[in-house]
Amino acid sequence: MAILGISAGFHDAAATVIDHSGNILFAGHSERYSKNKNDSELSAALIKESISYPIDQVAYYERPWVKQWRNFRSGQGIEWNKLTVRQILAQQIGKSFSQLPNKIITHNHHLSHAAAGFQTSPFHAAVVVVVDAIGEFDTISIFRAWYNNQGHAQYKRVWRQKYPHSIGLFYSAMTDRIGLRPMEEEYITMGMAAWGKDSWYETLYKQVVKDYYNIELHDNYHAGMGENFLSKASVEDLACATQLVTEDLIMSVMDKAWQYTETTNLVYMGGVALNCLANRKLGKYFKNIWIMPCPGDAGSSLGAAALTYGQKLNWQHPYLGHNITGPYPVDSLLAQLLSRKIVGVAIGRAEFGPRALGNRSLLADPRGNEIKDQVNEIKRRQKFRPFAPVILEECVNDYFEMPQNYSTSPYMQVVATCRDPKSFPAIVHVDNTSRVQTVSKHCGSGIRELLEKWYVITGCPMLLNTSLNIRGEPMVNDREDADRFEKLYGIMVCS
């Protein structure tokens, strides 16, 4: 029998199945099934695939009635039809709800984040930092985490900040002010920051930050900043200032985490943990850093199941979603890369998390001057945005200056400076940095064999790697999605 973990109702709904031996049997995103990007509601198709495993209990990632109480206290009213998990699931998945077991367990939002990180980490003990937009009430949490003599995970919260003081809500509000979609396009704000100047940093800091040490902000940014906020600043300069202020606040949190625990092991979770620019600074305080590849709310479906299971999980890799059966098409991919320079791949189990890591990827030769523009044209996205390199793990230090205490980056969670940016124009940003993905011999994907053969043929141990998706849709999930991609863009997708 197995535990079904669920996150739903805010954004990035997801489901995870864990058996009672700690094996992660399945983890998938609702958006990949509904084709609605950042879908907050559960897809019946996702639940159907989840319950193909024998489920005996359901674990939910937060406590809905506490969330509604916070909404009431903050003047947002109560949604009476969302007070219980049963109400929420019945509304979202309809008839499929009757196929779920009666036993439903709820957990605290930030504790679900923490468990998703700690119980997949390699650590026996660690400090767990959670930074997101908002849980029930908490916006920042610091936990001590360890396993007791019986192997059960233990969590003790040592510090927290509550709504409305929120780093995540601030970043989303500034994303909205810049003209992008909040809760969806924060990663574009992050990419835009390198194009701006820091001339508005001090002004933004003074207007936003009330108390640096306690991470208290001057206002509640849940409703946004307003379109006239710092109206004289360019969007690029606003993005730069936003990133710098955010990094300052995150470092204040990390300083606290170190002072309260004095451990060298950090587990970092919550949606803000996807800010790979800020992540490069974490090594100032911590020697060993673990960020689960799905640190946001979707990953909390795994966290809720992990809390219910209670012990360390058998984490092997993030390839946990829908399966397109068959061997990794290494030779077909090589042929396309050598002749057309660009190719898609959709094979094996889909990645759990927002990054394409080789099983649902658009791959290209990183060396051509024209490649970046060609891939941006295929994906119909802004030309200023960078692409990531995927590289053999043992070669990374020859090509990139990795940040302090990062010897690898298997899940694209940190930026590094390219040592020879002129030779690899397709994968460097305007500031000569790259969001690196390193690939070990035991990565769990055939992308490793592809890189090895590509290296032998070309002398280049890396490829450009970006998500395989149709404009406006999430990552390709199944073969039908891959066929539609081929038809729309004229790029072969090997599977």
Foldseek 3Di string as FASTA:
>chain_A
DWEWFWAADPWFTKIWIAHLVQETQFIDTQQQVVQFPRHRFHDLVRLVVVVVDPHAAYFYQAQQLLLQVVCVVVPNHGDVQRRHPLSRNCVRNPPSSVVHHPHYHYDHNVLLLQQLFPLADPDQWAWEWAAAQATSWWRIWIWTWHADPVQFIDIDTDDTDTPPLHLHLLLQLLCVLLPHHGPHVSVVLLLLQVVADQPCQVVVCVQFADDLLNSGTPDRCNVHDDNCVPVVDHSSNSSNSSVVSSLSSVVSSLVVNCVVPVAQEYGYAEPVLLSQASVLPSLVRHQHYTYPQARYSSSSSVSRSSVVSRHRHPDQAQQRHFADDDAFPLVVVVVCCVPVFKAFAAHGGAGDHQFGQARQKIKGAQFDPCVQVVVCVLQVHDSQGAFAKEFALVCDVVFWDGGRNDSFAQNLRHKTATPCCNRGVRAAHPVRIGSYHYDYPRHPDCVCVNLVVCCVVPVGSIITIGGNAHHSGGGNGYVVRQVVSCVVRVHYYHD
